[in-house]
Amino acid sequence: MNRTCENVINVGVAGSIETDTGQRTPTLVEQIESMGSFNVRAIYNEDLGVAKSILNKANLLSKFVKSLNRNKNEDSKTEKVYTDNLEEFLNIKDIDVVIVSEINTETATKVIINCIIKGKSVINLNAISEVTLGLLFKNLANNNYTIYSVGAGDEPASTLELIDFCKMLGLDIICAGKGKNNPLNKYSTPDDFKGEVNKNNNSDKDIKVSPEGITSFIDGTKTMLEMAILSNATGFPIDKAGMHGQEINLADLVKIFNLKENGGILSRIPVIDYVIGDVAPGVFVVFTSKQKSIISELKYLKMGKGPNFILYKPYHLGNIEVPLSIYDVVLKRKPTIAVKDRIVTTVVARAKKDLKTGDFIDSIGGYTFSGLAINYKEMKEKNYVPIGLVEKSRVKKDIKRDEIISFGNIECNFNSIIYNLWKLQTELF
């Protein structure tokens, strides 16, 4: 491992201002740079102005130089650079790990694949690329002796901490998931939040919220992506398409997330789900034990009446926690969170409105679709399009509101890197 000085980890960041789940690259970059163990070595964006803007918002622009000369950069081991040249970025030899915080799925995919091929470990903050291609990324990294990981800090990794705690203690998990910060409106569009965006943007000059970003929260797409990532990392399925997603407060979790024969709503356990209520912005695990002594001890410790109990973490800190993954990937040589061994749950696109032949489908947080988490086998059997392939496609057959978009309805870009890698993933795994 090459480093500019002893005990310093060199980090490359390939990102946009924010990710598809609301992570903010400038905040992340400023924090990483402020931690004595890390050195932000290079910033990449295919638009040089965006790379510069990230550094400006992170109050770091004066420390970096614009680099357009690949040979010069390759010879300079200490110069901190920003660039729009991906090949140059990839050729920086002393980068220990690359964080991908790019909002554009195709760009994120291209960076991830090329980093792994070049032998660079990756921390991926782009949820759509992970849900669509995470199994391929993980296996490719293993074959290239690198580490591929989803980042710490968002709900999947935070919930996995509680799940791992239960597993190590031999406790039986019933349900695990997150609290959603707001009511679900699968038909919401950016037009619904212009006033809220202006209010939020005026409340804190350092935090700018896009209408698309808010829409992806409200219409459920972000939650579907996060819980699919958690499902695939644990092997726990979801109980139904879209999950139950009920309005439940913390005090009622144990009663509601139980098998139907025990008065709950679940048809099987363990499962992944989410709730709308005072759990947000936290994450939870409902668990039990087959050992009567353990149940008695948990009652004594005032964990509840039993036989089911709750572990609850009342927060997740998003990109503030991402540096924890740098320690995992570089020092411990393990992912913080990644697909376990197969794809259990995926996310497809459900039409927000009637779409006519010739219409173009936009992107996450837009006007045409919201994400829906479903069983991976169902997606394959019904020829549904994974969310990573539906963006920017053209409608070739009318699609009704609420209809799940299938390959029979749209013309994908069959030459895109995402499509070709997805086909390879389906053939290999």
Protein backbone atom coordinates (compact mmCIF):
# COMPACT_ATOMS: atom_id res chain seq x y z
CA MET A 1 0.00 0.00 0.00
CA ASN A 2 1.53 3.31 -1.07
CA ARG A 3 1.10 6.35 1.18
CA THR A 4 2.50 9.84 1.14
CA CYS A 5 3.59 9.44 4.76
CA GLU A 6 3.42 6.79 7.45
CA ASN A 7 -0.05 6.02 8.87
CA VAL A 8 -1.87 8.32 6.45
CA ILE A 9 -4.51 6.82 4.18
CA ASN A 10 -4.87 8.48 0.78
CA VAL A 11 -8.46 8.85 -0.38
CA GLY A 12 -9.81 9.57 -3.84
CA VAL A 13 -13.35 10.92 -4.21
CA ALA A 14 -15.35 10.56 -7.41
CA GLY A 15 -18.56 12.38 -6.80
CA SER A 16 -21.21 14.98 -7.45
CA ILE A 17 -22.53 17.54 -4.98
CA GLU A 18 -25.00 14.99 -3.57
CA THR A 19 -25.79 11.31 -4.06
CA ASP A 20 -29.04 9.55 -4.96
CA THR A 21 -29.75 9.09 -1.23
CA GLY A 22 -28.89 12.63 -0.16
CA GLN A 23 -25.28 12.21 0.98
CA ARG A 24 -23.33 15.47 0.55
CA THR A 25 -19.89 15.16 -0.99
CA PRO A 26 -18.54 18.58 0.15
CA THR A 27 -19.33 17.77 3.79
CA LEU A 28 -17.74 14.35 3.40
CA VAL A 29 -14.59 15.71 1.78
CA GLU A 30 -14.14 18.43 4.40
CA GLN A 31 -14.56 15.93 7.22
CA ILE A 32 -12.15 13.38 5.74
CA GLU A 33 -9.53 16.05 5.23
CA SER A 34 -9.91 17.23 8.84
CA MET A 35 -9.20 13.75 10.26
CA GLY A 36 -5.50 13.31 10.86
CA SER A 37 -5.40 9.74 9.54
CA PHE A 38 -6.66 10.64 6.06
CA ASN A 39 -5.48 12.66 3.11
CA VAL A 40 -7.87 13.57 0.31
CA ARG A 41 -5.54 12.98 -2.61
CA ALA A 42 -7.80 13.67 -5.60
CA ILE A 43 -11.30 14.71 -6.59
CA TYR A 44 -12.88 13.54 -9.85
CA ASN A 45 -16.01 14.64 -11.68
CA GLU A 46 -16.58 14.50 -15.41
CA ASP A 47 -17.50 18.19 -15.15
CA LEU A 48 -14.45 20.06 -13.88
CA GLY A 49 -16.68 22.86 -12.59
CA VAL A 50 -18.49 20.41 -10.29
CA ALA A 51 -15.20 19.08 -8.92
CA LYS A 52 -14.13 22.64 -8.21
CA SER A 53 -17.48 23.44 -6.61
CA ILE A 54 -17.19 20.45 -4.26
CA LEU A 55 -13.83 21.71 -3.03
CA ASN A 56 -15.09 25.28 -2.77
CA LYS A 57 -18.08 24.21 -0.64
CA ALA A 58 -15.71 22.11 1.46
CA ASN A 59 -13.46 25.16 2.02
CA LEU A 60 -10.54 23.27 0.50
CA LEU A 61 -10.09 24.72 -2.98
CA SER A 62 -6.86 26.52 -2.08
CA LYS A 63 -5.21 23.20 -1.16
CA PHE A 64 -5.87 21.59 -4.55
CA VAL A 65 -4.60 22.23 -8.05
CA LYS A 66 -6.35 21.57 -11.32
CA SER A 67 -4.58 18.69 -13.00
CA LEU A 68 -4.77 18.09 -16.72
CA ASN A 69 -1.36 16.52 -17.30
CA ARG A 70 -1.47 12.79 -16.59
CA ASN A 71 2.27 12.19 -16.71
CA LYS A 72 3.03 15.09 -14.39
CA ASN A 73 0.42 13.92 -11.89
CA GLU A 74 1.69 10.36 -11.96
CA ASP A 75 5.13 11.55 -10.93
CA SER A 76 3.88 13.89 -8.18
CA LYS A 77 3.10 11.88 -5.07
CA THR A 78 2.05 14.71 -2.75
CA GLU A 79 0.12 17.12 -4.96
CA LYS A 80 -3.61 17.27 -4.22
CA VAL A 81 -5.56 17.52 -7.47
CA TYR A 82 -9.01 17.80 -8.97
CA THR A 83 -9.69 16.57 -12.48
CA ASP A 84 -12.30 15.72 -15.10
CA ASN A 85 -10.05 13.06 -16.61
CA LEU A 86 -11.05 9.62 -15.30
CA GLU A 87 -7.98 7.90 -16.73
CA GLU A 88 -5.76 10.38 -14.92
CA PHE A 89 -7.68 9.87 -11.69
CA LEU A 90 -7.33 6.08 -11.99
CA ASN A 91 -3.59 6.33 -12.67
CA ILE A 92 -2.83 8.03 -9.36
CA LYS A 93 -0.95 5.14 -7.80
CA ASP A 94 -0.94 6.14 -4.12
CA ILE A 95 -4.73 6.26 -3.64
CA ASP A 96 -5.67 3.60 -1.09
CA VAL A 97 -9.45 3.76 -1.52
CA VAL A 98 -11.94 5.57 -3.75
CA ILE A 99 -15.26 6.86 -2.42
CA VAL A 100 -17.90 7.04 -5.16
CA SER A 101 -20.50 9.67 -4.26
CA GLU A 102 -21.77 10.26 -7.78
CA ILE A 103 -25.50 10.82 -8.34
CA ASN A 104 -25.47 9.67 -11.97
CA THR A 105 -25.81 5.87 -11.96
CA GLU A 106 -23.97 5.25 -15.21
CA THR A 107 -21.06 7.49 -14.23
CA ALA A 108 -20.86 5.84 -10.80
CA THR A 109 -20.86 2.39 -12.42
CA LYS A 110 -18.09 3.34 -14.83
CA VAL A 111 -15.93 4.67 -12.01
CA ILE A 112 -16.52 1.63 -9.77
CA ILE A 113 -15.71 -0.92 -12.47
CA ASN A 114 -12.58 0.89 -13.60
CA CYS A 115 -11.34 1.37 -10.04
CA ILE A 116 -11.73 -2.34 -9.27
CA ILE A 117 -9.99 -3.34 -12.51
CA LYS A 118 -7.15 -0.98 -11.58
CA GLY A 119 -6.87 -2.68 -8.19
CA LYS A 120 -8.36 0.16 -6.14
CA SER A 121 -10.78 -0.58 -3.32
CA VAL A 122 -14.15 1.18 -3.51
CA ILE A 123 -16.68 2.59 -1.05
CA ASN A 124 -19.90 3.09 -2.98
CA LEU A 125 -22.49 5.69 -1.91
CA ASN A 126 -24.59 5.36 -5.09
CA ALA A 127 -27.54 3.22 -4.02
CA ILE A 128 -29.02 2.54 -7.46
CA SER A 129 -25.78 1.07 -8.80
CA GLU A 130 -25.46 -1.10 -5.67
CA VAL A 131 -29.01 -2.45 -5.88
CA THR A 132 -28.62 -3.13 -9.60
CA LEU A 133 -25.04 -4.42 -9.78
CA GLY A 134 -23.78 -4.95 -6.21
CA LEU A 135 -23.27 -8.70 -6.55
CA LEU A 136 -21.11 -8.23 -9.66
CA PHE A 137 -19.09 -5.46 -8.00
CA LYS A 138 -18.39 -7.63 -4.96
CA ASN A 139 -17.31 -10.65 -6.97
CA LEU A 140 -15.17 -8.62 -9.34
CA ALA A 141 -13.43 -7.00 -6.36
CA ASN A 142 -12.79 -10.41 -4.78
CA ASN A 143 -11.26 -11.62 -8.03
CA ASN A 144 -9.03 -8.54 -8.20
CA TYR A 145 -7.93 -8.77 -4.53
CA THR A 146 -9.59 -5.48 -3.65
CA ILE A 147 -12.44 -4.58 -1.29
CA TYR A 148 -15.84 -3.35 -2.44
CA SER A 149 -18.18 -1.89 0.17
CA VAL A 150 -21.28 0.22 0.57
CA GLY A 151 -20.60 3.14 2.89
CA ALA A 152 -21.23 3.40 6.61
CA GLY A 153 -23.67 5.94 7.99
CA ASP A 154 -26.87 5.38 6.06
CA GLU A 155 -29.64 3.13 7.38
CA PRO A 156 -28.44 -0.16 5.83
CA ALA A 157 -25.06 -0.11 7.59
CA SER A 158 -26.52 1.29 10.81
CA THR A 159 -29.16 -1.45 10.96
CA LEU A 160 -26.58 -4.11 10.13
CA GLU A 161 -24.68 -3.13 13.28
CA LEU A 162 -27.71 -4.12 15.39
CA ILE A 163 -28.27 -7.29 13.36
CA ASP A 164 -24.66 -8.39 13.79
CA PHE A 165 -24.92 -7.69 17.53
CA CYS A 166 -27.91 -10.04 17.75
CA LYS A 167 -26.25 -12.71 15.64
CA MET A 168 -23.06 -12.71 17.70
CA LEU A 169 -25.14 -13.24 20.84
CA GLY A 170 -27.24 -15.99 19.32
CA LEU A 171 -30.46 -13.95 19.47
CA ASP A 172 -33.24 -14.67 16.98
CA ILE A 173 -34.15 -11.79 14.67
CA ILE A 174 -37.78 -11.23 13.74
CA CYS A 175 -37.65 -7.97 11.79
CA ALA A 176 -35.10 -5.24 11.11
CA GLY A 177 -35.30 -1.92 9.37
CA LYS A 178 -35.55 1.85 9.53
CA GLY A 179 -37.87 4.66 10.41
CA LYS A 180 -38.97 6.78 7.45
CA ASN A 181 -38.81 10.50 8.17
CA ASN A 182 -42.02 11.40 6.38
CA PRO A 183 -45.34 10.00 5.11
CA LEU A 184 -45.25 7.99 1.90
CA ASN A 185 -46.66 9.59 -1.27
CA LYS A 186 -45.61 7.46 -4.22
CA TYR A 187 -47.02 10.06 -6.65
CA SER A 188 -45.06 13.06 -5.38
CA THR A 189 -43.04 15.12 -7.86
CA PRO A 190 -40.47 17.93 -7.55
CA ASP A 191 -43.24 20.49 -8.14
CA ASP A 192 -44.72 19.58 -4.76
CA PHE A 193 -41.67 20.76 -2.83
CA LYS A 194 -40.53 24.06 -4.34
CA GLY A 195 -41.71 26.01 -1.30
CA GLU A 196 -40.17 23.53 1.10
CA VAL A 197 -36.90 23.60 -0.82
CA ASN A 198 -36.73 27.39 -0.56
CA LYS A 199 -37.52 27.23 3.18
CA ASN A 200 -34.85 24.59 3.82
CA ASN A 201 -32.28 26.34 1.69
CA ASN A 202 -32.80 29.58 3.58
CA SER A 203 -32.56 27.92 7.00
CA ASP A 204 -28.95 26.81 6.61
CA LYS A 205 -26.80 28.33 3.92
CA ASP A 206 -24.49 25.30 3.94
CA ILE A 207 -27.23 22.75 3.24
CA LYS A 208 -29.02 23.00 -0.08
CA VAL A 209 -31.86 20.58 -0.73
CA SER A 210 -32.94 19.87 -4.30
CA PRO A 211 -36.62 19.24 -5.09
CA GLU A 212 -35.60 15.92 -6.66
CA GLY A 213 -33.80 14.97 -3.46
CA ILE A 214 -36.88 15.62 -1.34
CA THR A 215 -39.09 13.78 -3.84
CA SER A 216 -36.92 10.65 -3.67
CA PHE A 217 -37.51 10.62 0.11
CA ILE A 218 -41.26 11.27 -0.01
CA ASP A 219 -42.11 8.90 -2.88
CA GLY A 220 -40.35 6.05 -1.07
CA THR A 221 -37.59 5.38 -3.60
CA LYS A 222 -34.78 6.09 -1.13
CA THR A 223 -36.32 3.77 1.46
CA MET A 224 -36.82 1.00 -1.11
CA LEU A 225 -33.18 1.23 -2.18
CA GLU A 226 -31.86 1.24 1.38
CA MET A 227 -33.93 -1.69 2.55
CA ALA A 228 -33.04 -3.69 -0.58
CA ILE A 229 -29.36 -3.12 0.22
CA LEU A 230 -29.96 -4.33 3.78
CA SER A 231 -31.95 -7.34 2.56
CA ASN A 232 -29.16 -8.42 0.24
CA ALA A 233 -26.49 -7.90 2.88
CA THR A 234 -28.32 -10.08 5.42
CA GLY A 235 -30.13 -12.56 3.18
CA PHE A 236 -33.40 -11.59 4.93
CA PRO A 237 -36.26 -11.12 2.43
CA ILE A 238 -39.01 -8.52 2.50
CA ASP A 239 -42.44 -9.84 3.47
CA LYS A 240 -44.30 -8.30 0.51
CA ALA A 241 -43.65 -6.01 -2.45
CA GLY A 242 -42.94 -2.52 -1.14
CA MET A 243 -42.85 -3.91 2.43
CA HIS A 244 -45.58 -3.14 4.97
CA GLY A 245 -44.39 0.39 5.72
CA GLN A 246 -46.99 1.01 8.40
CA GLU A 247 -47.36 4.04 10.63
CA ILE A 248 -46.00 2.60 13.86
CA ASN A 249 -44.33 4.29 16.80
CA LEU A 250 -41.46 2.73 18.69
CA ALA A 251 -43.63 1.43 21.53
CA ASP A 252 -45.71 -0.67 19.12
CA LEU A 253 -42.94 -2.26 17.06
CA VAL A 254 -42.82 -5.49 19.07
CA LYS A 255 -46.57 -6.05 18.82
CA ILE A 256 -46.94 -5.23 15.10
CA PHE A 257 -43.77 -6.87 13.79
CA ASN A 258 -44.72 -10.38 14.83
CA LEU A 259 -46.05 -13.40 13.01
CA LYS A 260 -49.74 -13.27 12.09
CA GLU A 261 -50.52 -16.24 14.31
CA ASN A 262 -49.08 -14.24 17.21
CA GLY A 263 -51.18 -11.16 16.46
CA GLY A 264 -48.73 -9.38 14.16
CA ILE A 265 -48.61 -8.64 10.43
CA LEU A 266 -45.76 -10.86 9.25
CA SER A 267 -46.21 -14.02 7.19
CA ARG A 268 -42.60 -15.15 7.79
CA ILE A 269 -39.49 -14.22 9.76
CA PRO A 270 -36.89 -12.82 9.71
CA VAL A 271 -37.73 -9.97 7.34
CA ILE A 272 -36.68 -6.45 6.43
CA ASP A 273 -39.23 -3.63 6.67
CA TYR A 274 -39.66 0.04 7.56
CA VAL A 275 -42.07 2.16 9.56
CA ILE A 276 -43.36 5.72 9.50
CA GLY A 277 -43.33 7.22 12.97
CA ASP A 278 -41.11 8.27 15.84
CA VAL A 279 -38.50 5.62 15.03
CA ALA A 280 -37.07 8.01 12.42
CA PRO A 281 -34.26 8.90 11.98
CA GLY A 282 -33.31 5.72 13.78
CA VAL A 283 -33.07 2.03 12.95
CA PHE A 284 -34.33 -1.03 14.81
CA VAL A 285 -34.27 -4.79 15.28
CA VAL A 286 -37.10 -6.81 16.82
CA PHE A 287 -35.62 -9.98 18.33
CA THR A 288 -36.29 -12.86 20.72
CA SER A 289 -34.56 -15.95 22.10
CA LYS A 290 -35.43 -19.62 22.44
CA GLN A 291 -33.75 -19.66 25.85
CA LYS A 292 -36.14 -18.99 28.74
CA SER A 293 -33.31 -17.71 30.92
CA ILE A 294 -32.43 -15.08 28.32
CA ILE A 295 -36.05 -13.93 28.15
CA SER A 296 -36.16 -13.63 31.94
CA GLU A 297 -32.87 -11.71 32.00
CA LEU A 298 -34.09 -9.26 29.33
CA LYS A 299 -37.26 -8.63 31.33
CA TYR A 300 -35.15 -8.02 34.43
CA LEU A 301 -33.04 -5.54 32.44
CA LYS A 302 -36.27 -3.68 31.60
CA MET A 303 -36.03 -4.41 27.87
CA GLY A 304 -39.76 -5.12 27.77
CA LYS A 305 -42.38 -7.70 28.68
CA GLY A 306 -41.12 -10.28 26.17
CA PRO A 307 -40.91 -12.69 24.57
CA ASN A 308 -39.98 -10.21 21.81
CA PHE A 309 -37.79 -7.17 22.39
CA ILE A 310 -36.41 -4.15 20.54
CA LEU A 311 -32.90 -2.92 19.89
CA TYR A 312 -33.08 0.68 18.72
CA LYS A 313 -30.48 3.14 17.53
CA PRO A 314 -32.10 6.59 17.46
CA TYR A 315 -29.89 8.09 14.76
CA HIS A 316 -27.84 7.56 11.65
CA LEU A 317 -25.38 10.23 10.59
CA GLY A 318 -25.14 9.69 6.85
CA ASN A 319 -21.96 10.93 5.23
CA ILE A 320 -20.55 11.95 8.63
CA GLU A 321 -20.06 8.24 9.37
CA VAL A 322 -18.66 7.29 5.95
CA PRO A 323 -15.01 7.58 7.15
CA LEU A 324 -15.66 4.51 9.31
CA SER A 325 -15.75 2.55 6.06
CA ILE A 326 -12.27 3.80 5.20
CA TYR A 327 -10.99 2.09 8.34
CA ASP A 328 -12.92 -1.08 7.48
CA VAL A 329 -11.78 -1.27 3.87
CA VAL A 330 -8.16 -0.14 4.16
CA LEU A 331 -7.10 -1.33 7.61
CA LYS A 332 -9.42 -4.27 8.31
CA ARG A 333 -9.65 -5.34 4.65
CA LYS A 334 -13.37 -6.01 4.86
CA PRO A 335 -16.52 -4.30 3.60
CA THR A 336 -18.72 -2.39 6.01
CA ILE A 337 -21.73 -3.77 4.17
CA ALA A 338 -22.11 -5.64 0.87
CA VAL A 339 -24.27 -8.31 -0.75
CA LYS A 340 -24.01 -11.49 1.32
CA ASP A 341 -24.00 -14.19 -1.38
CA ARG A 342 -26.97 -13.62 -3.69
CA ILE A 343 -29.55 -11.02 -4.65
CA VAL A 344 -32.67 -11.45 -2.52
CA THR A 345 -34.42 -8.13 -3.09
CA THR A 346 -34.22 -5.63 -5.91
CA VAL A 347 -35.90 -2.34 -6.78
CA VAL A 348 -38.04 -1.77 -9.86
CA ALA A 349 -39.89 1.29 -11.15
CA ARG A 350 -43.60 1.95 -10.68
CA ALA A 351 -45.22 4.59 -12.91
CA LYS A 352 -46.38 7.75 -11.15
CA LYS A 353 -48.69 8.65 -14.02
CA ASP A 354 -49.91 7.28 -17.34
CA LEU A 355 -46.95 7.16 -19.72
CA LYS A 356 -47.54 7.25 -23.47
CA THR A 357 -45.57 5.70 -26.30
CA GLY A 358 -42.70 8.00 -27.13
CA ASP A 359 -42.41 9.49 -23.64
CA PHE A 360 -39.02 9.49 -21.95
CA ILE A 361 -38.56 8.28 -18.40
CA ASP A 362 -36.58 10.63 -16.19
CA SER A 363 -34.47 9.92 -13.10
CA ILE A 364 -34.88 9.19 -9.40
CA GLY A 365 -36.91 11.85 -7.60
CA GLY A 366 -38.58 12.92 -10.84
CA TYR A 367 -42.00 12.96 -12.47
CA THR A 368 -42.40 9.52 -14.04
CA PHE A 369 -41.62 6.74 -11.56
CA SER A 370 -40.98 5.79 -7.96
CA GLY A 371 -38.97 2.83 -6.72
CA LEU A 372 -40.60 -0.37 -5.44
CA ALA A 373 -38.70 -3.10 -3.60
CA ILE A 374 -39.69 -6.60 -4.74
CA ASN A 375 -38.40 -10.15 -4.59
CA TYR A 376 -35.59 -10.67 -7.10
CA LYS A 377 -37.15 -13.87 -8.46
CA GLU A 378 -40.39 -12.01 -9.15
CA MET A 379 -38.48 -9.37 -11.12
CA LYS A 380 -36.93 -12.05 -13.32
CA GLU A 381 -40.15 -14.04 -13.78
CA LYS A 382 -42.21 -10.98 -14.76
CA ASN A 383 -39.50 -9.35 -16.88
CA TYR A 384 -39.49 -6.17 -14.82
CA VAL A 385 -36.76 -3.62 -15.42
CA PRO A 386 -34.33 -3.01 -12.53
CA ILE A 387 -34.29 0.62 -11.46
CA GLY A 388 -30.75 1.14 -12.72
CA LEU A 389 -31.85 0.47 -16.31
CA VAL A 390 -35.14 2.36 -16.39
CA GLU A 391 -33.67 5.86 -16.10
CA LYS A 392 -33.55 7.80 -19.39
CA SER A 393 -35.32 5.04 -21.33
CA ARG A 394 -38.05 5.57 -23.93
CA VAL A 395 -41.60 4.24 -23.63
CA LYS A 396 -42.49 1.93 -26.54
CA LYS A 397 -45.86 0.75 -25.19
CA ASP A 398 -48.31 2.72 -23.06
CA ILE A 399 -47.82 2.28 -19.30
CA LYS A 400 -50.65 2.85 -16.85
CA ARG A 401 -50.26 4.70 -13.57
CA ASP A 402 -49.13 2.27 -10.81
CA GLU A 403 -47.94 -0.28 -13.39
CA ILE A 404 -44.48 -1.75 -12.82
CA ILE A 405 -42.30 -0.99 -15.82
CA SER A 406 -41.22 -4.07 -17.76
CA PHE A 407 -38.84 -4.69 -20.66
CA GLY A 408 -41.93 -5.06 -22.85
CA ASN A 409 -42.86 -1.42 -22.19
CA ILE A 410 -39.62 0.45 -22.78
CA GLU A 411 -36.54 0.69 -24.97
CA CYS A 412 -33.45 0.56 -22.78
CA ASN A 413 -30.02 1.68 -23.86
CA PHE A 414 -28.68 -1.77 -24.66
CA ASN A 415 -25.22 -0.32 -25.28
CA SER A 416 -24.90 1.21 -21.82
CA ILE A 417 -22.33 -0.09 -19.35
CA ILE A 418 -25.10 -0.69 -16.79
CA TYR A 419 -27.14 -2.90 -19.12
CA ASN A 420 -24.14 -4.95 -20.24
CA LEU A 421 -22.92 -5.48 -16.69
CA TRP A 422 -26.44 -6.36 -15.51
CA LYS A 423 -26.73 -8.98 -18.26
CA LEU A 424 -23.36 -10.39 -17.24
CA GLN A 425 -24.45 -10.49 -13.60
CA THR A 426 -27.65 -12.40 -14.46
CA GLU A 427 -25.67 -14.90 -16.53
CA LEU A 428 -22.98 -15.46 -13.91
CA PHE A 429 -25.07 -15.45 -10.75
